[in-house]
Amino acid sequence: MARGARVRPERLAEKLLQIRLALGLSQSELLRRLGFEDLMDYRRISEFERGTTEPHLSVLLQYTRAAGVTWKILSMMNWTCRRDYLAR
């Protein structure tokens, strides 16, 4: 049985970029903050932010921890990251 196209999360790439910028981190610094500096290259962060690839669930969970938000908040269509909202 053929599967239909997978539903892509709305605005995920934009939200991931907003998180990094609100935290004031470079792509390399974010990779370190997420704990993946030994597992992937910083260019992967760029791919996530441009929407050319989607991060694995474990990476998304680390994003939520770094930002101090829940998965539910990150997945909300209309959520916009604000610097004053993020955990430090």
PDB file of N, CA and C in Angstrom:
ATOM      1  N   MET A   1       0.834  -1.170   0.000  1.00  0.00           N
ATOM      2  CA  MET A   1       0.000   0.000   0.000  1.00  0.00           C
ATOM      3  C   MET A   1       0.887   1.244   0.000  1.00  0.00           C
ATOM      4  N   ALA A   2       0.662   2.117  -0.933  1.00  0.00           N
ATOM      5  CA  ALA A   2       1.470   3.337  -1.052  1.00  0.00           C
ATOM      6  C   ALA A   2       1.058   4.352  -0.006  1.00  0.00           C
ATOM      7  N   ARG A   3       2.028   5.052   0.480  1.00  0.00           N
ATOM      8  CA  ARG A   3       1.774   6.116   1.443  1.00  0.00           C
ATOM      9  C   ARG A   3       1.686   7.441   0.715  1.00  0.00           C
ATOM     10  N   GLY A   4       0.908   8.344   1.268  1.00  0.00           N
ATOM     11  CA  GLY A   4       0.852   9.694   0.726  1.00  0.00           C
ATOM     12  C   GLY A   4       2.060  10.482   1.184  1.00  0.00           C
ATOM     13  N   ALA A   5       2.163  11.669   0.698  1.00  0.00           N
ATOM     14  CA  ALA A   5       3.273  12.534   1.098  1.00  0.00           C
ATOM     15  C   ALA A   5       3.178  12.840   2.594  1.00  0.00           C
ATOM     16  N   ARG A   6       4.306  12.862   3.243  1.00  0.00           N
ATOM     17  CA  ARG A   6       4.352  13.173   4.669  1.00  0.00           C
ATOM     18  C   ARG A   6       4.047  14.643   4.874  1.00  0.00           C
ATOM     19  N   VAL A   7       3.287  14.928   5.907  1.00  0.00           N
ATOM     20  CA  VAL A   7       2.955  16.311   6.217  1.00  0.00           C
ATOM     21  C   VAL A   7       4.171  16.972   6.846  1.00  0.00           C
ATOM     22  N   ARG A   8       4.584  18.087   6.271  1.00  0.00           N
ATOM     23  CA  ARG A   8       5.737  18.825   6.792  1.00  0.00           C
ATOM     24  C   ARG A   8       5.261  19.835   7.825  1.00  0.00           C
ATOM     25  N   PRO A   9       5.975  19.968   8.936  1.00  0.00           N
ATOM     26  CA  PRO A   9       5.586  20.943   9.945  1.00  0.00           C
ATOM     27  C   PRO A   9       5.603  22.357   9.367  1.00  0.00           C
ATOM     28  N   GLU A  10       4.559  23.112   9.643  1.00  0.00           N
ATOM     29  CA  GLU A  10       4.480  24.470   9.112  1.00  0.00           C
ATOM     30  C   GLU A  10       5.475  25.386   9.816  1.00  0.00           C
ATOM     31  N   ARG A  11       6.198  26.132   9.013  1.00  0.00           N
ATOM     32  CA  ARG A  11       7.109  27.165   9.497  1.00  0.00           C
ATOM     33  C   ARG A  11       8.226  26.639  10.401  1.00  0.00           C
ATOM     34  N   LEU A  12       8.506  25.336  10.371  1.00  0.00           N
ATOM     35  CA  LEU A  12       9.529  24.783  11.257  1.00  0.00           C
ATOM     36  C   LEU A  12      10.880  25.442  11.018  1.00  0.00           C
ATOM     37  N   ALA A  13      11.290  25.559   9.768  1.00  0.00           N
ATOM     38  CA  ALA A  13      12.593  26.154   9.459  1.00  0.00           C
ATOM     39  C   ALA A  13      12.677  27.572  10.007  1.00  0.00           C
ATOM     40  N   GLU A  14      11.634  28.341   9.810  1.00  0.00           N
ATOM     41  CA  GLU A  14      11.594  29.726  10.306  1.00  0.00           C
ATOM     42  C   GLU A  14      11.696  29.759  11.827  1.00  0.00           C
ATOM     43  N   LYS A  15      11.006  28.858  12.504  1.00  0.00           N
ATOM     44  CA  LYS A  15      11.034  28.825  13.968  1.00  0.00           C
ATOM     45  C   LYS A  15      12.419  28.453  14.491  1.00  0.00           C
ATOM     46  N   LEU A  16      13.069  27.501  13.823  1.00  0.00           N
ATOM     47  CA  LEU A  16      14.407  27.100  14.263  1.00  0.00           C
ATOM     48  C   LEU A  16      15.393  28.245  14.098  1.00  0.00           C
ATOM     49  N   LEU A  17      15.278  28.996  13.022  1.00  0.00           N
ATOM     50  CA  LEU A  17      16.124  30.167  12.826  1.00  0.00           C
ATOM     51  C   LEU A  17      15.833  31.207  13.900  1.00  0.00           C
ATOM     52  N   GLN A  18      14.555  31.439  14.193  1.00  0.00           N
ATOM     53  CA  GLN A  18      14.182  32.410  15.223  1.00  0.00           C
ATOM     54  C   GLN A  18      14.774  32.039  16.576  1.00  0.00           C
ATOM     55  N   ILE A  19      14.748  30.755  16.904  1.00  0.00           N
ATOM     56  CA  ILE A  19      15.309  30.303  18.182  1.00  0.00           C
ATOM     57  C   ILE A  19      16.790  30.630  18.254  1.00  0.00           C
ATOM     58  N   ARG A  20      17.526  30.270  17.194  1.00  0.00           N
ATOM     59  CA  ARG A  20      18.978  30.523  17.217  1.00  0.00           C
ATOM     60  C   ARG A  20      19.287  32.010  17.333  1.00  0.00           C
ATOM     61  N   LEU A  21      18.588  32.823  16.556  1.00  0.00           N
ATOM     62  CA  LEU A  21      18.843  34.262  16.590  1.00  0.00           C
ATOM     63  C   LEU A  21      18.452  34.868  17.935  1.00  0.00           C
ATOM     64  N   ALA A  22      17.346  34.413  18.500  1.00  0.00           N
ATOM     65  CA  ALA A  22      16.912  34.931  19.797  1.00  0.00           C
ATOM     66  C   ALA A  22      17.894  34.555  20.903  1.00  0.00           C
ATOM     67  N   LEU A  23      18.531  33.399  20.763  1.00  0.00           N
ATOM     68  CA  LEU A  23      19.550  33.002  21.731  1.00  0.00           C
ATOM     69  C   LEU A  23      20.872  33.720  21.499  1.00  0.00           C
ATOM     70  N   GLY A  24      20.991  34.387  20.356  1.00  0.00           N
ATOM     71  CA  GLY A  24      22.213  35.123  20.040  1.00  0.00           C
ATOM     72  C   GLY A  24      23.397  34.224  19.749  1.00  0.00           C
ATOM     73  N   LEU A  25      23.141  33.088  19.108  1.00  0.00           N
ATOM     74  CA  LEU A  25      24.192  32.111  18.847  1.00  0.00           C
ATOM     75  C   LEU A  25      24.485  31.979  17.362  1.00  0.00           C
ATOM     76  N   SER A  26      25.741  31.687  17.046  1.00  0.00           N
ATOM     77  CA  SER A  26      26.097  31.312  15.680  1.00  0.00           C
ATOM     78  C   SER A  26      25.636  29.872  15.467  1.00  0.00           C
ATOM     79  N   GLN A  27      25.709  29.398  14.249  1.00  0.00           N
ATOM     80  CA  GLN A  27      25.320  28.018  13.977  1.00  0.00           C
ATOM     81  C   GLN A  27      26.222  27.039  14.720  1.00  0.00           C
ATOM     82  N   SER A  28      27.503  27.324  14.774  1.00  0.00           N
ATOM     83  CA  SER A  28      28.444  26.463  15.502  1.00  0.00           C
ATOM     84  C   SER A  28      28.154  26.468  16.997  1.00  0.00           C
ATOM     85  N   GLU A  29      27.866  27.647  17.531  1.00  0.00           N
ATOM     86  CA  GLU A  29      27.555  27.752  18.959  1.00  0.00           C
ATOM     87  C   GLU A  29      26.269  27.008  19.298  1.00  0.00           C
ATOM     88  N   LEU A  30      25.274  27.103  18.419  1.00  0.00           N
ATOM     89  CA  LEU A  30      24.024  26.385  18.649  1.00  0.00           C
ATOM     90  C   LEU A  30      24.265  24.883  18.635  1.00  0.00           C
ATOM     91  N   LEU A  31      25.053  24.419  17.701  1.00  0.00           N
ATOM     92  CA  LEU A  31      25.370  22.996  17.619  1.00  0.00           C
ATOM     93  C   LEU A  31      25.985  22.515  18.934  1.00  0.00           C
ATOM     94  N   ARG A  32      26.883  23.318  19.511  1.00  0.00           N
ATOM     95  CA  ARG A  32      27.480  22.997  20.802  1.00  0.00           C
ATOM     96  C   ARG A  32      26.421  22.984  21.902  1.00  0.00           C
ATOM     97  N   ARG A  33      25.551  24.004  21.896  1.00  0.00           N
ATOM     98  CA  ARG A  33      24.494  24.106  22.903  1.00  0.00           C
ATOM     99  C   ARG A  33      23.554  22.905  22.841  1.00  0.00           C
ATOM    100  N   LEU A  34      23.295  22.426  21.630  1.00  0.00           N
ATOM    101  CA  LEU A  34      22.415  21.274  21.460  1.00  0.00           C
ATOM    102  C   LEU A  34      23.104  19.961  21.830  1.00  0.00           C
ATOM    103  N   GLY A  35      24.447  19.975  21.887  1.00  0.00           N
ATOM    104  CA  GLY A  35      25.199  18.778  22.243  1.00  0.00           C
ATOM    105  C   GLY A  35      25.493  17.856  21.076  1.00  0.00           C
ATOM    106  N   PHE A  36      25.455  18.403  19.864  1.00  0.00           N
ATOM    107  CA  PHE A  36      25.665  17.583  18.673  1.00  0.00           C
ATOM    108  C   PHE A  36      26.934  17.957  17.904  1.00  0.00           C
ATOM    109  N   GLU A  37      27.842  18.698  18.516  1.00  0.00           N
ATOM    110  CA  GLU A  37      29.023  19.159  17.778  1.00  0.00           C
ATOM    111  C   GLU A  37      29.904  18.024  17.293  1.00  0.00           C
ATOM    112  N   ASP A  38      29.857  16.877  17.962  1.00  0.00           N
ATOM    113  CA  ASP A  38      30.656  15.724  17.528  1.00  0.00           C
ATOM    114  C   ASP A  38      29.895  14.811  16.568  1.00  0.00           C
ATOM    115  N   LEU A  39      28.616  15.093  16.371  1.00  0.00           N
ATOM    116  CA  LEU A  39      27.781  14.201  15.564  1.00  0.00           C
ATOM    117  C   LEU A  39      27.394  14.767  14.202  1.00  0.00           C
ATOM    118  N   MET A  40      27.433  16.089  14.066  1.00  0.00           N
ATOM    119  CA  MET A  40      27.068  16.687  12.784  1.00  0.00           C
ATOM    120  C   MET A  40      27.822  17.983  12.574  1.00  0.00           C
ATOM    121  N   ASP A  41      27.866  18.414  11.336  1.00  0.00           N
ATOM    122  CA  ASP A  41      28.546  19.638  10.948  1.00  0.00           C
ATOM    123  C   ASP A  41      27.600  20.825  11.126  1.00  0.00           C
ATOM    124  N   TYR A  42      28.152  21.995  11.409  1.00  0.00           N
ATOM    125  CA  TYR A  42      27.322  23.186  11.618  1.00  0.00           C
ATOM    126  C   TYR A  42      26.480  23.526  10.391  1.00  0.00           C
ATOM    127  N   ARG A  43      26.892  23.060   9.205  1.00  0.00           N
ATOM    128  CA  ARG A  43      26.110  23.341   7.993  1.00  0.00           C
ATOM    129  C   ARG A  43      24.735  22.678   8.030  1.00  0.00           C
ATOM    130  N   ARG A  44      24.589  21.650   8.848  1.00  0.00           N
ATOM    131  CA  ARG A  44      23.277  21.013   9.008  1.00  0.00           C
ATOM    132  C   ARG A  44      22.282  21.999   9.613  1.00  0.00           C
ATOM    133  N   ILE A  45      22.751  22.858  10.513  1.00  0.00           N
ATOM    134  CA  ILE A  45      21.873  23.868  11.116  1.00  0.00           C
ATOM    135  C   ILE A  45      21.329  24.774  10.016  1.00  0.00           C
ATOM    136  N   SER A  46      22.187  25.158   9.083  1.00  0.00           N
ATOM    137  CA  SER A  46      21.753  25.978   7.953  1.00  0.00           C
ATOM    138  C   SER A  46      20.696  25.253   7.129  1.00  0.00           C
ATOM    139  N   GLU A  47      20.882  23.968   6.905  1.00  0.00           N
ATOM    140  CA  GLU A  47      19.904  23.189   6.146  1.00  0.00           C
ATOM    141  C   GLU A  47      18.561  23.148   6.871  1.00  0.00           C
ATOM    142  N   PHE A  48      18.586  23.006   8.189  1.00  0.00           N
ATOM    143  CA  PHE A  48      17.345  23.011   8.969  1.00  0.00           C
ATOM    144  C   PHE A  48      16.657  24.368   8.861  1.00  0.00           C
ATOM    145  N   GLU A  49      17.439  25.434   8.963  1.00  0.00           N
ATOM    146  CA  GLU A  49      16.884  26.794   8.947  1.00  0.00           C
ATOM    147  C   GLU A  49      16.369  27.206   7.570  1.00  0.00           C
ATOM    148  N   ARG A  50      16.926  26.616   6.525  1.00  0.00           N
ATOM    149  CA  ARG A  50      16.440  26.906   5.166  1.00  0.00           C
ATOM    150  C   ARG A  50      15.321  25.972   4.754  1.00  0.00           C
ATOM    151  N   GLY A  51      15.100  24.929   5.528  1.00  0.00           N
ATOM    152  CA  GLY A  51      14.040  23.983   5.221  1.00  0.00           C
ATOM    153  C   GLY A  51      14.406  22.970   4.160  1.00  0.00           C
ATOM    154  N   THR A  52      15.699  22.841   3.850  1.00  0.00           N
ATOM    155  CA  THR A  52      16.110  21.856   2.848  1.00  0.00           C
ATOM    156  C   THR A  52      16.134  20.451   3.429  1.00  0.00           C
ATOM    157  N   THR A  53      16.351  20.341   4.741  1.00  0.00           N
ATOM    158  CA  THR A  53      16.224  19.066   5.452  1.00  0.00           C
ATOM    159  C   THR A  53      15.525  19.335   6.777  1.00  0.00           C
ATOM    160  N   GLU A  54      14.959  18.305   7.335  1.00  0.00           N
ATOM    161  CA  GLU A  54      14.309  18.413   8.636  1.00  0.00           C
ATOM    162  C   GLU A  54      15.141  17.680   9.669  1.00  0.00           C
ATOM    163  N   PRO A  55      15.276  18.273  10.838  1.00  0.00           N
ATOM    164  CA  PRO A  55      16.065  17.611  11.876  1.00  0.00           C
ATOM    165  C   PRO A  55      15.360  16.375  12.427  1.00  0.00           C
ATOM    166  N   HIS A  56      16.158  15.443  12.895  1.00  0.00           N
ATOM    167  CA  HIS A  56      15.663  14.262  13.582  1.00  0.00           C
ATOM    168  C   HIS A  56      14.950  14.714  14.858  1.00  0.00           C
ATOM    169  N   LEU A  57      14.042  13.900  15.344  1.00  0.00           N
ATOM    170  CA  LEU A  57      13.286  14.232  16.548  1.00  0.00           C
ATOM    171  C   LEU A  57      14.199  14.545  17.728  1.00  0.00           C
ATOM    172  N   SER A  58      15.293  13.819  17.871  1.00  0.00           N
ATOM    173  CA  SER A  58      16.213  14.080  18.990  1.00  0.00           C
ATOM    174  C   SER A  58      16.804  15.485  18.902  1.00  0.00           C
ATOM    175  N   VAL A  59      17.051  15.961  17.695  1.00  0.00           N
ATOM    176  CA  VAL A  59      17.574  17.324  17.512  1.00  0.00           C
ATOM    177  C   VAL A  59      16.491  18.341  17.866  1.00  0.00           C
ATOM    178  N   LEU A  60      15.266  18.092  17.430  1.00  0.00           N
ATOM    179  CA  LEU A  60      14.160  19.001  17.758  1.00  0.00           C
ATOM    180  C   LEU A  60      13.939  19.084  19.269  1.00  0.00           C
ATOM    181  N   LEU A  61      14.062  17.959  19.942  1.00  0.00           N
ATOM    182  CA  LEU A  61      13.899  17.971  21.393  1.00  0.00           C
ATOM    183  C   LEU A  61      14.988  18.811  22.061  1.00  0.00           C
ATOM    184  N   GLN A  62      16.201  18.747  21.540  1.00  0.00           N
ATOM    185  CA  GLN A  62      17.278  19.577  22.089  1.00  0.00           C
ATOM    186  C   GLN A  62      17.026  21.063  21.817  1.00  0.00           C
ATOM    187  N   TYR A  63      16.445  21.376  20.664  1.00  0.00           N
ATOM    188  CA  TYR A  63      16.060  22.758  20.375  1.00  0.00           C
ATOM    189  C   TYR A  63      15.077  23.254  21.429  1.00  0.00           C
ATOM    190  N   THR A  64      14.068  22.433  21.751  1.00  0.00           N
ATOM    191  CA  THR A  64      13.075  22.873  22.739  1.00  0.00           C
ATOM    192  C   THR A  64      13.717  23.069  24.102  1.00  0.00           C
ATOM    193  N   ARG A  65      14.653  22.208  24.454  1.00  0.00           N
ATOM    194  CA  ARG A  65      15.345  22.359  25.745  1.00  0.00           C
ATOM    195  C   ARG A  65      16.197  23.615  25.763  1.00  0.00           C
ATOM    196  N   ALA A  66      16.922  23.864  24.680  1.00  0.00           N
ATOM    197  CA  ALA A  66      17.776  25.061  24.607  1.00  0.00           C
ATOM    198  C   ALA A  66      16.944  26.332  24.686  1.00  0.00           C
ATOM    199  N   ALA A  67      15.764  26.296  24.069  1.00  0.00           N
ATOM    200  CA  ALA A  67      14.899  27.476  24.043  1.00  0.00           C
ATOM    201  C   ALA A  67      14.012  27.575  25.276  1.00  0.00           C
ATOM    202  N   GLY A  68      13.916  26.487  26.030  1.00  0.00           N
ATOM    203  CA  GLY A  68      13.064  26.494  27.212  1.00  0.00           C
ATOM    204  C   GLY A  68      11.590  26.517  26.868  1.00  0.00           C
ATOM    205  N   VAL A  69      11.239  25.881  25.753  1.00  0.00           N
ATOM    206  CA  VAL A  69       9.839  25.802  25.342  1.00  0.00           C
ATOM    207  C   VAL A  69       9.445  24.334  25.227  1.00  0.00           C
ATOM    208  N   THR A  70       8.164  24.075  25.215  1.00  0.00           N
ATOM    209  CA  THR A  70       7.698  22.701  25.064  1.00  0.00           C
ATOM    210  C   THR A  70       7.563  22.366  23.587  1.00  0.00           C
ATOM    211  N   TRP A  71       7.504  21.066  23.302  1.00  0.00           N
ATOM    212  CA  TRP A  71       7.297  20.612  21.937  1.00  0.00           C
ATOM    213  C   TRP A  71       5.977  21.161  21.412  1.00  0.00           C
ATOM    214  N   LYS A  72       4.978  21.212  22.267  1.00  0.00           N
ATOM    215  CA  LYS A  72       3.656  21.702  21.859  1.00  0.00           C
ATOM    216  C   LYS A  72       3.749  23.153  21.378  1.00  0.00           C
ATOM    217  N   ILE A  73       4.491  23.970  22.106  1.00  0.00           N
ATOM    218  CA  ILE A  73       4.642  25.375  21.718  1.00  0.00           C
ATOM    219  C   ILE A  73       5.385  25.479  20.389  1.00  0.00           C
ATOM    220  N   LEU A  74       6.453  24.720  20.223  1.00  0.00           N
ATOM    221  CA  LEU A  74       7.218  24.766  18.975  1.00  0.00           C
ATOM    222  C   LEU A  74       6.361  24.341  17.785  1.00  0.00           C
ATOM    223  N   SER A  75       5.472  23.398  18.005  1.00  0.00           N
ATOM    224  CA  SER A  75       4.669  22.886  16.895  1.00  0.00           C
ATOM    225  C   SER A  75       3.448  23.743  16.574  1.00  0.00           C
ATOM    226  N   MET A  76       3.133  24.719  17.414  1.00  0.00           N
ATOM    227  CA  MET A  76       1.983  25.587  17.136  1.00  0.00           C
ATOM    228  C   MET A  76       2.251  26.413  15.887  1.00  0.00           C
ATOM    229  N   MET A  77       1.274  26.454  14.990  1.00  0.00           N
ATOM    230  CA  MET A  77       1.436  27.160  13.723  1.00  0.00           C
ATOM    231  C   MET A  77       1.773  28.633  13.910  1.00  0.00           C
ATOM    232  N   ASN A  78       1.119  29.278  14.849  1.00  0.00           N
ATOM    233  CA  ASN A  78       1.249  30.730  14.960  1.00  0.00           C
ATOM    234  C   ASN A  78       2.287  31.180  15.978  1.00  0.00           C
ATOM    235  N   TRP A  79       3.057  30.243  16.545  1.00  0.00           N
ATOM    236  CA  TRP A  79       4.043  30.631  17.547  1.00  0.00           C
ATOM    237  C   TRP A  79       5.215  31.345  16.895  1.00  0.00           C
ATOM    238  N   THR A  80       5.587  32.467  17.465  1.00  0.00           N
ATOM    239  CA  THR A  80       6.753  33.207  17.013  1.00  0.00           C
ATOM    240  C   THR A  80       7.692  33.351  18.200  1.00  0.00           C
ATOM    241  N   CYS A  81       8.925  33.026  17.978  1.00  0.00           N
ATOM    242  CA  CYS A  81       9.926  33.089  19.034  1.00  0.00           C
ATOM    243  C   CYS A  81      10.276  34.540  19.342  1.00  0.00           C
ATOM    244  N   ARG A  82      10.265  34.865  20.626  1.00  0.00           N
ATOM    245  CA  ARG A  82      10.702  36.191  21.060  1.00  0.00           C
ATOM    246  C   ARG A  82      11.860  36.004  22.032  1.00  0.00           C
ATOM    247  N   ARG A  83      12.821  36.868  21.951  1.00  0.00           N
ATOM    248  CA  ARG A  83      14.014  36.766  22.790  1.00  0.00           C
ATOM    249  C   ARG A  83      13.653  36.745  24.268  1.00  0.00           C
ATOM    250  N   ASP A  84      12.694  37.586  24.682  1.00  0.00           N
ATOM    251  CA  ASP A  84      12.343  37.654  26.102  1.00  0.00           C
ATOM    252  C   ASP A  84      11.577  36.413  26.578  1.00  0.00           C
ATOM    253  N   TYR A  85      11.164  35.544  25.669  1.00  0.00           N
ATOM    254  CA  TYR A  85      10.432  34.343  26.007  1.00  0.00           C
ATOM    255  C   TYR A  85      11.361  33.167  26.301  1.00  0.00           C
ATOM    256  N   LEU A  86      12.544  33.208  25.744  1.00  0.00           N
ATOM    257  CA  LEU A  86      13.454  32.069  25.837  1.00  0.00           C
ATOM    258  C   LEU A  86      14.119  31.970  27.198  1.00  0.00           C
ATOM    259  N   ALA A  87      14.386  30.725  27.585  1.00  0.00           N
ATOM    260  CA  ALA A  87      15.179  30.461  28.781  1.00  0.00           C
ATOM    261  C   ALA A  87      16.638  30.746  28.456  1.00  0.00           C
ATOM    262  N   ARG A  88      17.361  31.154  29.402  1.00  0.00           N
ATOM    263  CA  ARG A  88      18.795  31.424  29.208  1.00  0.00           C
ATOM    264  C   ARG A  88      19.632  30.314  29.748  1.00  0.00           C
TER     265      ARG A  88
END
